[in-house]
């Protein structure tokens, strides 16, 4: 089992060319949705949202704002990871209400934690909140990439795109969202030369320290 995991991670690479004739099955897409939703986030607040875009017309409009990177259009689906632009007490209340309903925890127990987290959020500047949420988005991206590898779904993590252009096409500002990361997913093309390249990494002893 451990060997299988490592082999899948070695199989994974940042896919440069997708097979435009192949599309993920609904079950595969649902797997990625569930994996995103189960990603660990700070305090469990989930100040993130993921757009799953299959529509080619929409993605064609996004292509220029991704600096012509064809993965945005040629993949089966484009995942856009977004953060909330405004985070406040209402998000804390929604979270603890969910905790109460899911775990049947009385408010008398949750109240001090609710108040404490509200205080933490209120003490943060808008810029700090944004940076905090962006860090959570990277955790989600890493989780999605690993799940993709395990499920033999190709992916390509992307940071390089025009945020304002994506916002204009997708009207994300209207939904209190800002796009921060892209993950095209699908199947590698048979003629993507990068798929055959050996993975280049430092030696394990150069990246991991066993603290005795």
Protein backbone atom coordinates (compact mmCIF):
# COMPACT_ATOMS: atom_id res chain seq x y z
CA UNK A 1 0.00 0.00 0.00
CA UNK A 2 2.78 2.44 0.92
CA UNK A 3 4.63 1.53 -2.27
CA UNK A 4 1.46 2.17 -4.30
CA UNK A 5 1.11 5.66 -2.82
CA UNK A 6 4.70 6.59 -3.66
CA UNK A 7 4.34 5.20 -7.19
CA UNK A 8 1.22 7.29 -7.75
CA UNK A 9 3.02 10.41 -6.54
CA UNK A 10 5.89 9.63 -8.91
CA UNK A 11 3.34 9.19 -11.71
CA UNK A 12 1.92 12.65 -11.07
CA UNK A 13 3.37 15.63 -12.89
CA UNK A 14 2.21 19.11 -13.86
CA UNK A 15 0.42 18.14 -17.05
CA UNK A 16 1.31 20.48 -19.88
CA UNK A 17 -0.92 18.99 -22.58
CA UNK A 18 -4.33 17.42 -21.95
CA UNK A 19 -6.21 15.01 -24.20
CA UNK A 20 -9.16 17.09 -25.39
CA UNK A 21 -11.15 13.99 -26.35
CA UNK A 22 -11.32 12.58 -22.81
CA UNK A 23 -13.64 13.77 -20.05
CA UNK A 24 -13.79 12.85 -16.39
CA UNK A 25 -16.75 10.77 -15.28
CA UNK A 26 -19.27 12.37 -12.88
CA UNK A 27 -18.05 10.07 -10.11
CA UNK A 28 -14.51 11.37 -10.55
CA UNK A 29 -15.66 14.97 -10.43
CA UNK A 30 -17.66 14.23 -7.30
CA UNK A 31 -14.56 12.68 -5.75
CA UNK A 32 -12.69 15.95 -6.22
CA UNK A 33 -15.59 17.96 -4.83
CA UNK A 34 -15.69 15.78 -1.72
CA UNK A 35 -11.91 15.92 -1.35
CA UNK A 36 -12.01 19.71 -1.49
CA UNK A 37 -14.78 19.88 1.08
CA UNK A 38 -12.88 17.54 3.42
CA UNK A 39 -9.67 19.58 3.26
CA UNK A 40 -8.34 20.73 6.62
CA UNK A 41 -8.76 24.48 7.19
CA UNK A 42 -7.82 26.76 10.06
CA UNK A 43 -10.47 26.55 12.82
CA UNK A 44 -12.55 24.54 10.34
CA UNK A 45 -14.05 27.78 9.00
CA UNK A 46 -13.70 26.85 5.31
CA UNK A 47 -13.36 30.39 4.00
CA UNK A 48 -12.85 28.89 0.54
CA UNK A 49 -14.97 27.94 -2.42
CA UNK A 50 -14.14 25.86 -5.49
CA UNK A 51 -15.64 26.51 -8.91
CA UNK A 52 -15.89 23.46 -11.18
CA UNK A 53 -16.03 24.70 -14.75
CA UNK A 54 -16.73 22.32 -17.61
CA UNK A 55 -18.26 24.79 -20.09
CA UNK A 56 -15.79 25.28 -22.96
CA UNK A 57 -17.23 28.65 -23.96
CA UNK A 58 -16.58 30.04 -20.50
CA UNK A 59 -13.09 28.57 -20.41
CA UNK A 60 -12.33 29.97 -23.84
CA UNK A 61 -13.07 33.43 -22.42
CA UNK A 62 -10.77 32.68 -19.49
CA UNK A 63 -7.92 31.51 -21.72
CA UNK A 64 -6.59 34.99 -22.47
CA UNK A 65 -6.65 35.82 -18.77
CA UNK A 66 -4.54 32.70 -18.13
CA UNK A 67 -1.92 34.06 -20.54
CA UNK A 68 -2.84 31.52 -23.20
CA UNK A 69 -2.02 28.46 -21.10
CA UNK A 70 -3.96 25.80 -22.98
CA UNK A 71 -4.53 23.57 -19.95
CA UNK A 72 -7.32 25.94 -18.92
CA UNK A 73 -9.26 25.08 -22.07
CA UNK A 74 -8.04 21.62 -23.08
CA UNK A 75 -8.52 19.85 -19.75
CA UNK A 76 -11.70 18.02 -18.87
CA UNK A 77 -12.62 20.47 -16.11
CA UNK A 78 -11.11 23.62 -14.68
CA UNK A 79 -11.10 23.97 -10.90
CA UNK A 80 -10.84 27.54 -9.64
CA UNK A 81 -9.99 27.89 -5.95
CA UNK A 82 -11.35 31.08 -4.44
CA UNK A 83 -11.20 32.80 -1.07
CA UNK A 84 -13.86 34.90 0.59
CA UNK A 85 -13.17 38.61 0.21
CA UNK A 86 -14.96 39.45 3.45
CA UNK A 87 -14.74 37.27 6.57
CA UNK A 88 -16.51 38.18 9.78
CA UNK A 89 -18.54 37.14 12.80
CA UNK A 90 -21.31 35.71 10.63
CA UNK A 91 -18.89 33.07 9.34
CA UNK A 92 -17.95 32.13 12.88
CA UNK A 93 -21.62 31.84 13.86
CA UNK A 94 -22.38 29.69 10.81
CA UNK A 95 -19.51 27.38 11.69
CA UNK A 96 -20.46 26.89 15.33
CA UNK A 97 -24.13 26.51 14.45
CA UNK A 98 -23.02 23.71 12.13
CA UNK A 99 -20.90 22.16 14.89
CA UNK A 100 -23.88 22.26 17.25
CA UNK A 101 -26.24 20.69 14.73
CA UNK A 102 -23.76 18.02 13.55
CA UNK A 103 -22.42 16.95 16.93
CA UNK A 104 -25.36 17.86 19.17
CA UNK A 105 -23.13 20.09 21.28
CA UNK A 106 -25.03 22.51 23.56
CA UNK A 107 -24.40 26.24 23.16
CA UNK A 108 -23.23 26.48 26.77
CA UNK A 109 -20.13 24.52 25.76
CA UNK A 110 -19.62 26.25 22.42
CA UNK A 111 -20.19 29.83 23.58
CA UNK A 112 -16.67 30.55 24.90
CA UNK A 113 -15.05 29.09 21.77
CA UNK A 114 -17.43 31.05 19.58
CA UNK A 115 -16.58 34.29 21.37
CA UNK A 116 -12.85 33.58 21.30
CA UNK A 117 -12.79 32.94 17.55
CA UNK A 118 -14.86 36.04 16.87
CA UNK A 119 -12.27 38.05 18.77
CA UNK A 120 -9.46 36.51 16.70
CA UNK A 121 -11.25 37.35 13.45
CA UNK A 122 -12.13 40.88 14.52
CA UNK A 123 -8.50 41.62 15.44
CA UNK A 124 -7.29 40.73 11.94
CA UNK A 125 -6.98 43.35 9.22
CA UNK A 126 -8.64 42.66 5.83
CA UNK A 127 -5.18 42.00 4.39
CA UNK A 128 -4.37 39.50 7.14
CA UNK A 129 -7.66 37.71 6.58
CA UNK A 130 -6.97 37.46 2.85
CA UNK A 131 -3.45 36.11 3.35
CA UNK A 132 -4.75 33.65 5.96
CA UNK A 133 -7.40 32.35 3.56
CA UNK A 134 -4.92 32.07 0.70
CA UNK A 135 -2.80 29.77 2.86
CA UNK A 136 -5.84 27.55 3.32
CA UNK A 137 -6.32 27.50 -0.47
CA UNK A 138 -2.81 26.10 -0.92
CA UNK A 139 -3.61 23.34 1.57
CA UNK A 140 -6.69 22.52 -0.51
CA UNK A 141 -4.64 22.55 -3.71
CA UNK A 142 -2.11 20.10 -2.28
CA UNK A 143 -4.89 17.83 -1.07
CA UNK A 144 -6.58 17.87 -4.48
CA UNK A 145 -3.34 17.10 -6.30
CA UNK A 146 -2.69 14.09 -4.06
CA UNK A 147 -6.24 12.79 -4.52
CA UNK A 148 -5.87 13.27 -8.28
CA UNK A 149 -2.67 11.23 -8.26
CA UNK A 150 -4.28 8.43 -6.26
CA UNK A 151 -7.25 8.36 -8.65
CA UNK A 152 -5.07 8.54 -11.79
CA UNK A 153 -6.46 11.94 -12.72
CA UNK A 154 -3.98 14.32 -14.31
CA UNK A 155 -3.72 17.86 -13.03
CA UNK A 156 -1.68 21.04 -13.38
CA UNK A 157 -1.46 23.53 -10.48
CA UNK A 158 -1.41 27.10 -11.75
CA UNK A 159 -0.79 30.45 -10.06
CA UNK A 160 -0.15 32.50 -13.19
CA UNK A 161 -3.36 34.18 -14.29
CA UNK A 162 -4.99 37.61 -14.31
CA UNK A 163 -7.19 37.73 -11.22
CA UNK A 164 -9.14 40.74 -12.42
CA UNK A 165 -9.80 39.13 -15.79
CA UNK A 166 -11.13 35.96 -14.16
CA UNK A 167 -13.28 38.05 -11.87
CA UNK A 168 -14.77 39.94 -14.81
CA UNK A 169 -15.65 36.75 -16.71
CA UNK A 170 -16.97 34.82 -13.71
CA UNK A 171 -18.37 37.83 -11.80
CA UNK A 172 -16.85 36.52 -8.59
CA UNK A 173 -16.93 39.87 -6.82
CA UNK A 174 -20.72 39.61 -6.78
CA UNK A 175 -20.36 36.43 -4.70
CA UNK A 176 -17.77 37.82 -2.26
CA UNK A 177 -15.03 35.68 -3.86
CA UNK A 178 -11.53 36.23 -5.21
CA UNK A 179 -9.79 33.58 -7.37
CA UNK A 180 -6.32 32.57 -6.16
CA UNK A 181 -5.39 29.22 -7.74
CA UNK A 182 -6.28 27.11 -10.77
CA UNK A 183 -6.22 23.34 -11.18
CA UNK A 184 -7.08 22.01 -14.64
CA UNK A 185 -7.87 18.29 -14.38
CA UNK A 186 -8.37 15.50 -16.89
CA UNK A 187 -6.14 13.12 -18.84
CA UNK A 188 -2.65 13.72 -20.22
CA UNK A 189 -2.21 13.70 -23.97
CA UNK A 190 -0.19 10.77 -25.33
CA UNK A 191 2.20 13.25 -26.97
CA UNK A 192 2.87 15.39 -23.90
CA UNK A 193 6.63 14.95 -23.78
CA UNK A 194 6.75 16.01 -20.14
CA UNK A 195 4.87 12.87 -19.09
CA UNK A 196 7.93 10.73 -19.78
CA UNK A 197 10.44 12.87 -17.94
CA UNK A 198 12.00 11.45 -14.79
CA UNK A 199 10.97 13.34 -11.67
CA UNK A 200 13.75 15.61 -10.45
CA UNK A 201 14.00 15.95 -6.69
CA UNK A 202 16.74 16.46 -4.13
CA UNK A 203 17.94 13.45 -2.18
CA UNK A 204 15.69 12.61 0.76
CA UNK A 205 18.41 13.38 3.29
CA UNK A 206 18.65 16.90 1.83
CA UNK A 207 15.00 17.71 2.42
CA UNK A 208 14.08 15.74 5.55
CA UNK A 209 15.72 15.99 8.96
CA UNK A 210 15.25 13.09 11.38
CA UNK A 211 15.36 14.82 14.76
CA UNK A 212 16.81 12.30 17.20
